[in-house]
Structures are given as C-alpha cells and as structure tokens.
Amino acid sequence: MKGLLVKDMLYIRQNSGIFALSLFLTVICAVTTAITGKVPVGIGVEATVFIGSLPMMFIADDRRTGYEKILAYSPISKDDIVKARYLLMLALSLAGGLILSLVLGIGAFIGSAPMGKVLVAALLFMTTMLLFSALFLPLVYYFKKSNAVMLIAMTVSGSIGMGSVILFKKQFDVSAGAAAVMFVTALVITAVSCVISVRIFRKTDI
C-alpha cells in the first residue's frame, strides 16, 4: 500500500497545476475577507472543482500506463489497492481543509471576520471532497472506461462549483454545527463507498 501511495504522491507532484485554480480562488477569497470582513463560506465547495477528481485521475492514469496490471503481480491485495485510494482521498481532504483554513484565516484575522465561518468553509471543503469521491469511485471501479467516468465527474464538479457560487451569493448561511454534521455524514458515506468499491474490485479482472 505504501508504494501505491508514494506513486500517487509523485503523480500529484508532477501535476501540481491542478491545485492552482483552487489555491487562486482561496487567496482571492482571503483578500476579499480582509477587505470586507465577511467570509465567503462557499469557497469550501468551489475550491473542490478540479481537485475533487484526483482519485479518479489516479485510477485512469494507472490504467493508461498499465500500472494497474503491474499491481496484479505485486504482493499488495486488491482490497489494499482500493483502500489506498480512499486513504489518500481522506488525506487530501484534510490537508486541503487545513490549507484553506490557514489562508482564509489570515484574511479573516486582518478583516476581523468571525473565525467560525472559516471553520465552516473548511468543513464544507472536506465534506465536498469526500462526497465527490465517495459517489464516483465505485463507478470508476465498476466501469472499465475511467476517462468517461472522470469526464462526467468533472462536469458534475463544475456544475456544483457554479451552483455554489449562485447559492452562496444569495446569503445562504451554514452554521458550524450543521457543517460538522455534514462532515460526519460524509465520513460514513465514504466508509460505505469503500466497502462497495472493495467488493466490486474483487470481482474485476485486471
């Protein structure tokens, strides 16, 4: 499992530009927060537009390069292959939530904005990341054409991003408690998704 995680981290390093837009949006929101004193919690959803597709991109790359076939002859089990993807997805969501909190928190501190909203934005980011992958990873494992599923996933992700912009511009508010409940729910759904993906991949011929 460790080797697979290292391989995925190298993929992220080689394609770090994927994070550029999310980081740019976060910085812009931090500057806006510093000026207006209001935290745009919608950034927690909008920042996942592209990076939410990363787990699907990993699998598509494995199939494109033939790495998935190499894994079939390695000591790592099919269950561990799937679990490694979900573990990395969880790590990415937590790391992204931390980075968003730090960047947005600086803006909130300068603009004397409520830090509670920064927490809400971070929780929404992690929730969206988890739900997005939890919904699409089982499909990627079920269907052989990962690129087609990934295209659908990115389209849905873009729609979610645009929808959140419209929704949060209408002063849609989310409390820290509600955001925490959504995050815990997302964790449960992710666990169920992992079990489903494991069962699907066990029956898949690599």
C-alpha atoms as a PDB file:
ATOM      1  CA  MET A   1       0.000   0.000   0.000  1.00  0.00           C
ATOM      2  CA  LYS A   2       2.864   2.360   0.840  1.00  0.00           C
ATOM      3  CA  GLY A   3       4.317   2.054  -2.673  1.00  0.00           C
ATOM      4  CA  LEU A   4       0.954   2.894  -4.241  1.00  0.00           C
ATOM      5  CA  LEU A   5       0.563   5.964  -2.042  1.00  0.00           C
ATOM      6  CA  VAL A   6       4.083   7.131  -2.949  1.00  0.00           C
ATOM      7  CA  LYS A   7       3.288   6.674  -6.646  1.00  0.00           C
ATOM      8  CA  ASP A   8       0.132   8.767  -6.289  1.00  0.00           C
ATOM      9  CA  MET A   9       2.031  11.498  -4.430  1.00  0.00           C
ATOM     10  CA  LEU A  10       4.546  11.630  -7.301  1.00  0.00           C
ATOM     11  CA  TYR A  11       1.622  11.995  -9.713  1.00  0.00           C
ATOM     12  CA  ILE A  12       0.336  14.920  -7.660  1.00  0.00           C
ATOM     13  CA  ARG A  13       3.792  16.495  -7.690  1.00  0.00           C
ATOM     14  CA  GLN A  14       4.023  16.187 -11.478  1.00  0.00           C
ATOM     15  CA  ASN A  15       0.537  17.649 -11.921  1.00  0.00           C
ATOM     16  CA  SER A  16       0.624  20.308  -9.206  1.00  0.00           C
ATOM     17  CA  GLY A  17      -1.021  22.777 -11.586  1.00  0.00           C
ATOM     18  CA  ILE A  18      -4.339  21.090 -10.748  1.00  0.00           C
ATOM     19  CA  PHE A  19      -4.220  22.844  -7.386  1.00  0.00           C
ATOM     20  CA  ALA A  20      -3.510  26.263  -8.910  1.00  0.00           C
ATOM     21  CA  LEU A  21      -7.134  27.280  -9.513  1.00  0.00           C
ATOM     22  CA  SER A  22      -8.320  26.121  -6.076  1.00  0.00           C
ATOM     23  CA  LEU A  23      -5.459  27.964  -4.379  1.00  0.00           C
ATOM     24  CA  PHE A  24      -6.094  31.067  -6.503  1.00  0.00           C
ATOM     25  CA  LEU A  25      -9.793  31.099  -5.540  1.00  0.00           C
ATOM     26  CA  THR A  26      -8.874  30.679  -1.877  1.00  0.00           C
ATOM     27  CA  VAL A  27      -6.375  33.547  -1.973  1.00  0.00           C
ATOM     28  CA  ILE A  28      -8.901  35.820  -3.722  1.00  0.00           C
ATOM     29  CA  CYS A  29     -11.486  34.976  -1.055  1.00  0.00           C
ATOM     30  CA  ALA A  30      -8.930  35.659   1.683  1.00  0.00           C
ATOM     31  CA  VAL A  31      -8.216  39.094   0.218  1.00  0.00           C
ATOM     32  CA  THR A  32     -11.957  39.769  -0.083  1.00  0.00           C
ATOM     33  CA  THR A  33     -12.435  38.693   3.521  1.00  0.00           C
ATOM     34  CA  ALA A  34      -9.647  41.009   4.684  1.00  0.00           C
ATOM     35  CA  ILE A  35     -11.291  43.945   2.874  1.00  0.00           C
ATOM     36  CA  THR A  36     -14.965  43.326   3.637  1.00  0.00           C
ATOM     37  CA  GLY A  37     -14.752  41.463   6.946  1.00  0.00           C
ATOM     38  CA  LYS A  38     -17.069  38.764   5.568  1.00  0.00           C
ATOM     39  CA  VAL A  39     -16.024  35.144   4.992  1.00  0.00           C
ATOM     40  CA  PRO A  40     -17.414  33.620   1.746  1.00  0.00           C
ATOM     41  CA  VAL A  41     -18.061  30.119   3.105  1.00  0.00           C
ATOM     42  CA  GLY A  42     -18.976  28.975  -0.409  1.00  0.00           C
ATOM     43  CA  ILE A  43     -15.265  28.738  -1.204  1.00  0.00           C
ATOM     44  CA  GLY A  44     -15.306  25.474   0.725  1.00  0.00           C
ATOM     45  CA  VAL A  45     -17.357  23.976  -2.107  1.00  0.00           C
ATOM     46  CA  GLU A  46     -15.930  25.959  -5.018  1.00  0.00           C
ATOM     47  CA  ALA A  47     -12.316  25.038  -4.200  1.00  0.00           C
ATOM     48  CA  THR A  48     -13.015  21.364  -4.934  1.00  0.00           C
ATOM     49  CA  VAL A  49     -13.913  21.977  -8.600  1.00  0.00           C
ATOM     50  CA  PHE A  50     -10.839  20.235 -10.027  1.00  0.00           C
ATOM     51  CA  ILE A  51      -9.054  18.516  -7.153  1.00  0.00           C
ATOM     52  CA  GLY A  52     -12.194  16.560  -6.316  1.00  0.00           C
ATOM     53  CA  SER A  53     -11.473  14.475  -9.436  1.00  0.00           C
ATOM     54  CA  LEU A  54      -7.955  13.482  -8.329  1.00  0.00           C
ATOM     55  CA  PRO A  55      -8.785   9.945  -7.092  1.00  0.00           C
ATOM     56  CA  MET A  56     -10.452   9.185 -10.426  1.00  0.00           C
ATOM     57  CA  MET A  57      -7.439  10.632 -12.246  1.00  0.00           C
ATOM     58  CA  PHE A  58      -5.122   8.288 -10.321  1.00  0.00           C
ATOM     59  CA  ILE A  59      -7.047   5.234 -11.473  1.00  0.00           C
ATOM     60  CA  ALA A  60      -7.296   6.492 -15.056  1.00  0.00           C
ATOM     61  CA  ASP A  61      -3.515   7.028 -15.073  1.00  0.00           C
ATOM     62  CA  ASP A  62      -2.918   3.520 -13.688  1.00  0.00           C
ATOM     63  CA  ARG A  63      -4.979   2.006 -16.484  1.00  0.00           C
ATOM     64  CA  ARG A  64      -3.409   4.226 -19.145  1.00  0.00           C
ATOM     65  CA  THR A  65       0.160   3.380 -18.132  1.00  0.00           C
ATOM     66  CA  GLY A  66      -0.520  -0.284 -17.381  1.00  0.00           C
ATOM     67  CA  TYR A  67       0.436   0.186 -13.732  1.00  0.00           C
ATOM     68  CA  GLU A  68      -2.787  -1.493 -12.652  1.00  0.00           C
ATOM     69  CA  LYS A  69      -1.663  -4.718 -14.391  1.00  0.00           C
ATOM     70  CA  ILE A  70       1.697  -4.494 -12.626  1.00  0.00           C
ATOM     71  CA  LEU A  71      -0.126  -4.289  -9.306  1.00  0.00           C
ATOM     72  CA  ALA A  72      -1.835  -7.575 -10.124  1.00  0.00           C
ATOM     73  CA  TYR A  73       1.552  -9.322  -9.798  1.00  0.00           C
ATOM     74  CA  SER A  74       2.608  -7.472  -6.662  1.00  0.00           C
ATOM     75  CA  PRO A  75       2.113  -8.660  -3.063  1.00  0.00           C
ATOM     76  CA  ILE A  76      -0.500  -5.954  -2.476  1.00  0.00           C
ATOM     77  CA  SER A  77      -4.071  -7.258  -2.400  1.00  0.00           C
ATOM     78  CA  LYS A  78      -6.995  -5.832  -4.342  1.00  0.00           C
ATOM     79  CA  ASP A  79      -8.563  -4.713  -1.085  1.00  0.00           C
ATOM     80  CA  ASP A  80      -5.444  -2.724  -0.189  1.00  0.00           C
ATOM     81  CA  ILE A  81      -5.344  -1.115  -3.641  1.00  0.00           C
ATOM     82  CA  VAL A  82      -8.840   0.272  -3.121  1.00  0.00           C
ATOM     83  CA  LYS A  83      -8.241   1.243   0.497  1.00  0.00           C
ATOM     84  CA  ALA A  84      -5.096   3.143  -0.521  1.00  0.00           C
ATOM     85  CA  ARG A  85      -7.192   5.345  -2.824  1.00  0.00           C
ATOM     86  CA  TYR A  86      -9.689   6.126  -0.086  1.00  0.00           C
ATOM     87  CA  LEU A  87      -6.913   6.772   2.423  1.00  0.00           C
ATOM     88  CA  LEU A  88      -5.272   9.212   0.045  1.00  0.00           C
ATOM     89  CA  MET A  89      -8.643  10.862  -0.632  1.00  0.00           C
ATOM     90  CA  LEU A  90      -9.114  11.370   3.113  1.00  0.00           C
ATOM     91  CA  ALA A  91      -5.585  12.737   3.476  1.00  0.00           C
ATOM     92  CA  LEU A  92      -6.117  15.166   0.581  1.00  0.00           C
ATOM     93  CA  SER A  93      -9.388  16.433   2.022  1.00  0.00           C
ATOM     94  CA  LEU A  94      -7.826  17.010   5.453  1.00  0.00           C
ATOM     95  CA  ALA A  95      -4.716  18.680   4.005  1.00  0.00           C
ATOM     96  CA  GLY A  96      -6.843  20.852   1.728  1.00  0.00           C
ATOM     97  CA  GLY A  97      -9.094  21.828   4.616  1.00  0.00           C
ATOM     98  CA  LEU A  98      -6.051  22.819   6.680  1.00  0.00           C
ATOM     99  CA  ILE A  99      -4.549  24.921   3.870  1.00  0.00           C
ATOM    100  CA  LEU A 100      -7.893  26.611   3.223  1.00  0.00           C
ATOM    101  CA  SER A 101      -8.239  27.360   6.946  1.00  0.00           C
ATOM    102  CA  LEU A 102      -4.777  28.901   7.128  1.00  0.00           C
ATOM    103  CA  VAL A 103      -5.125  31.088   4.012  1.00  0.00           C
ATOM    104  CA  LEU A 104      -8.702  32.141   4.698  1.00  0.00           C
ATOM    105  CA  GLY A 105      -7.934  32.529   8.402  1.00  0.00           C
ATOM    106  CA  ILE A 106      -5.270  35.143   7.648  1.00  0.00           C
ATOM    107  CA  GLY A 107      -7.820  37.158   5.688  1.00  0.00           C
ATOM    108  CA  ALA A 108     -10.387  36.760   8.461  1.00  0.00           C
ATOM    109  CA  PHE A 109      -7.870  37.893  11.070  1.00  0.00           C
ATOM    110  CA  ILE A 110      -6.966  41.010   9.076  1.00  0.00           C
ATOM    111  CA  GLY A 111     -10.595  41.824   8.339  1.00  0.00           C
ATOM    112  CA  SER A 112     -11.809  40.998  11.860  1.00  0.00           C
ATOM    113  CA  ALA A 113     -14.201  38.440  10.410  1.00  0.00           C
ATOM    114  CA  PRO A 114     -15.668  35.615  12.529  1.00  0.00           C
ATOM    115  CA  MET A 115     -13.292  32.643  12.622  1.00  0.00           C
ATOM    116  CA  GLY A 116     -16.283  30.330  12.935  1.00  0.00           C
ATOM    117  CA  LYS A 117     -17.047  30.938   9.267  1.00  0.00           C
ATOM    118  CA  VAL A 118     -13.521  29.878   8.350  1.00  0.00           C
ATOM    119  CA  LEU A 119     -14.186  26.582  10.125  1.00  0.00           C
ATOM    120  CA  VAL A 120     -17.455  26.218   8.201  1.00  0.00           C
ATOM    121  CA  ALA A 121     -15.652  26.781   4.892  1.00  0.00           C
ATOM    122  CA  ALA A 122     -13.019  24.167   5.780  1.00  0.00           C
ATOM    123  CA  LEU A 123     -15.665  21.623   6.817  1.00  0.00           C
ATOM    124  CA  LEU A 124     -17.622  22.229   3.599  1.00  0.00           C
ATOM    125  CA  PHE A 125     -14.427  21.703   1.600  1.00  0.00           C
ATOM    126  CA  MET A 126     -13.661  18.378   3.292  1.00  0.00           C
ATOM    127  CA  THR A 127     -17.298  17.272   3.052  1.00  0.00           C
ATOM    128  CA  THR A 128     -17.493  18.026  -0.677  1.00  0.00           C
ATOM    129  CA  MET A 129     -14.168  16.291  -1.367  1.00  0.00           C
ATOM    130  CA  LEU A 130     -15.263  13.149   0.466  1.00  0.00           C
ATOM    131  CA  LEU A 131     -18.755  13.013  -1.049  1.00  0.00           C
ATOM    132  CA  PHE A 132     -17.499  13.653  -4.554  1.00  0.00           C
ATOM    133  CA  SER A 133     -15.024  10.768  -4.497  1.00  0.00           C
ATOM    134  CA  ALA A 134     -17.336   8.504  -2.485  1.00  0.00           C
ATOM    135  CA  LEU A 135     -20.002   8.816  -5.179  1.00  0.00           C
ATOM    136  CA  PHE A 136     -17.759   8.363  -8.209  1.00  0.00           C
ATOM    137  CA  LEU A 137     -15.038   5.911  -7.128  1.00  0.00           C
ATOM    138  CA  PRO A 138     -17.396   2.894  -7.113  1.00  0.00           C
ATOM    139  CA  LEU A 139     -18.437   3.837 -10.664  1.00  0.00           C
ATOM    140  CA  VAL A 140     -14.813   4.042 -11.769  1.00  0.00           C
ATOM    141  CA  TYR A 141     -14.152   0.578 -10.366  1.00  0.00           C
ATOM    142  CA  TYR A 142     -17.339  -0.810 -11.908  1.00  0.00           C
ATOM    143  CA  PHE A 143     -16.892   0.604 -15.408  1.00  0.00           C
ATOM    144  CA  LYS A 144     -13.699  -0.035 -17.360  1.00  0.00           C
ATOM    145  CA  LYS A 145     -13.699   3.372 -19.061  1.00  0.00           C
ATOM    146  CA  SER A 146     -12.284   5.512 -16.269  1.00  0.00           C
ATOM    147  CA  ASN A 147     -11.818   8.540 -18.529  1.00  0.00           C
ATOM    148  CA  ALA A 148     -15.535   8.651 -19.350  1.00  0.00           C
ATOM    149  CA  VAL A 149     -16.481   8.476 -15.675  1.00  0.00           C
ATOM    150  CA  MET A 150     -13.851  11.092 -14.842  1.00  0.00           C
ATOM    151  CA  LEU A 151     -15.261  13.425 -17.526  1.00  0.00           C
ATOM    152  CA  ILE A 152     -18.721  13.064 -16.006  1.00  0.00           C
ATOM    153  CA  ALA A 153     -17.247  13.640 -12.551  1.00  0.00           C
ATOM    154  CA  MET A 154     -15.502  16.844 -13.645  1.00  0.00           C
ATOM    155  CA  THR A 155     -18.691  18.067 -15.339  1.00  0.00           C
ATOM    156  CA  VAL A 156     -20.672  17.455 -12.161  1.00  0.00           C
ATOM    157  CA  SER A 157     -17.894  19.099 -10.141  1.00  0.00           C
ATOM    158  CA  GLY A 158     -18.027  22.191 -12.341  1.00  0.00           C
ATOM    159  CA  SER A 159     -21.807  22.326 -12.001  1.00  0.00           C
ATOM    160  CA  ILE A 160     -21.500  22.073  -8.220  1.00  0.00           C
ATOM    161  CA  GLY A 161     -18.968  24.902  -8.232  1.00  0.00           C
ATOM    162  CA  MET A 162     -21.175  27.183 -10.332  1.00  0.00           C
ATOM    163  CA  GLY A 163     -24.246  26.261  -8.316  1.00  0.00           C
ATOM    164  CA  SER A 164     -22.478  27.067  -5.047  1.00  0.00           C
ATOM    165  CA  VAL A 165     -21.491  30.489  -6.378  1.00  0.00           C
ATOM    166  CA  ILE A 166     -25.140  31.309  -7.101  1.00  0.00           C
ATOM    167  CA  LEU A 167     -26.381  29.732  -3.876  1.00  0.00           C
ATOM    168  CA  PHE A 168     -23.972  31.441  -1.506  1.00  0.00           C
ATOM    169  CA  LYS A 169     -24.380  34.810  -3.236  1.00  0.00           C
ATOM    170  CA  LYS A 170     -27.967  34.658  -2.041  1.00  0.00           C
ATOM    171  CA  GLN A 171     -26.703  34.782   1.548  1.00  0.00           C
ATOM    172  CA  PHE A 172     -27.265  31.077   2.111  1.00  0.00           C
ATOM    173  CA  ASP A 173     -25.799  30.518   5.572  1.00  0.00           C
ATOM    174  CA  VAL A 174     -24.474  27.350   7.189  1.00  0.00           C
ATOM    175  CA  SER A 175     -23.731  27.041  10.890  1.00  0.00           C
ATOM    176  CA  ALA A 176     -20.621  25.335  12.235  1.00  0.00           C
ATOM    177  CA  GLY A 177     -22.806  22.658  13.825  1.00  0.00           C
ATOM    178  CA  ALA A 178     -24.593  21.891  10.559  1.00  0.00           C
ATOM    179  CA  ALA A 179     -21.284  21.782   8.692  1.00  0.00           C
ATOM    180  CA  ALA A 180     -19.871  19.368  11.292  1.00  0.00           C
ATOM    181  CA  VAL A 181     -22.897  17.073  10.915  1.00  0.00           C
ATOM    182  CA  MET A 182     -22.466  17.105   7.133  1.00  0.00           C
ATOM    183  CA  PHE A 183     -18.786  16.224   7.518  1.00  0.00           C
ATOM    184  CA  VAL A 184     -19.513  13.274   9.818  1.00  0.00           C
ATOM    185  CA  THR A 185     -22.217  12.099   7.396  1.00  0.00           C
ATOM    186  CA  ALA A 186     -19.699  12.330   4.556  1.00  0.00           C
ATOM    187  CA  LEU A 187     -17.267  10.163   6.541  1.00  0.00           C
ATOM    188  CA  VAL A 188     -19.953   7.493   6.991  1.00  0.00           C
ATOM    189  CA  ILE A 189     -20.876   7.592   3.295  1.00  0.00           C
ATOM    190  CA  THR A 190     -17.179   7.331   2.400  1.00  0.00           C
ATOM    191  CA  ALA A 191     -16.807   4.233   4.582  1.00  0.00           C
ATOM    192  CA  VAL A 192     -19.822   2.624   2.860  1.00  0.00           C
ATOM    193  CA  SER A 193     -18.436   3.626  -0.536  1.00  0.00           C
ATOM    194  CA  CYS A 194     -15.108   1.995   0.319  1.00  0.00           C
ATOM    195  CA  VAL A 195     -16.824  -1.291   1.192  1.00  0.00           C
ATOM    196  CA  ILE A 196     -18.766  -1.192  -2.088  1.00  0.00           C
ATOM    197  CA  SER A 197     -15.635  -0.415  -4.121  1.00  0.00           C
ATOM    198  CA  VAL A 198     -13.706  -3.246  -2.457  1.00  0.00           C
ATOM    199  CA  ARG A 199     -16.442  -5.756  -3.313  1.00  0.00           C
ATOM    200  CA  ILE A 200     -16.635  -4.509  -6.904  1.00  0.00           C
ATOM    201  CA  PHE A 201     -12.867  -4.587  -7.442  1.00  0.00           C
ATOM    202  CA  ARG A 202     -12.554  -8.103  -6.023  1.00  0.00           C
ATOM    203  CA  LYS A 203     -14.667  -9.361  -8.947  1.00  0.00           C
ATOM    204  CA  THR A 204     -12.776  -7.287 -11.539  1.00  0.00           C
ATOM    205  CA  ASP A 205     -10.175  -8.865 -13.794  1.00  0.00           C
ATOM    206  CA  ILE A 206      -7.165  -6.577 -14.036  1.00  0.00           C
END
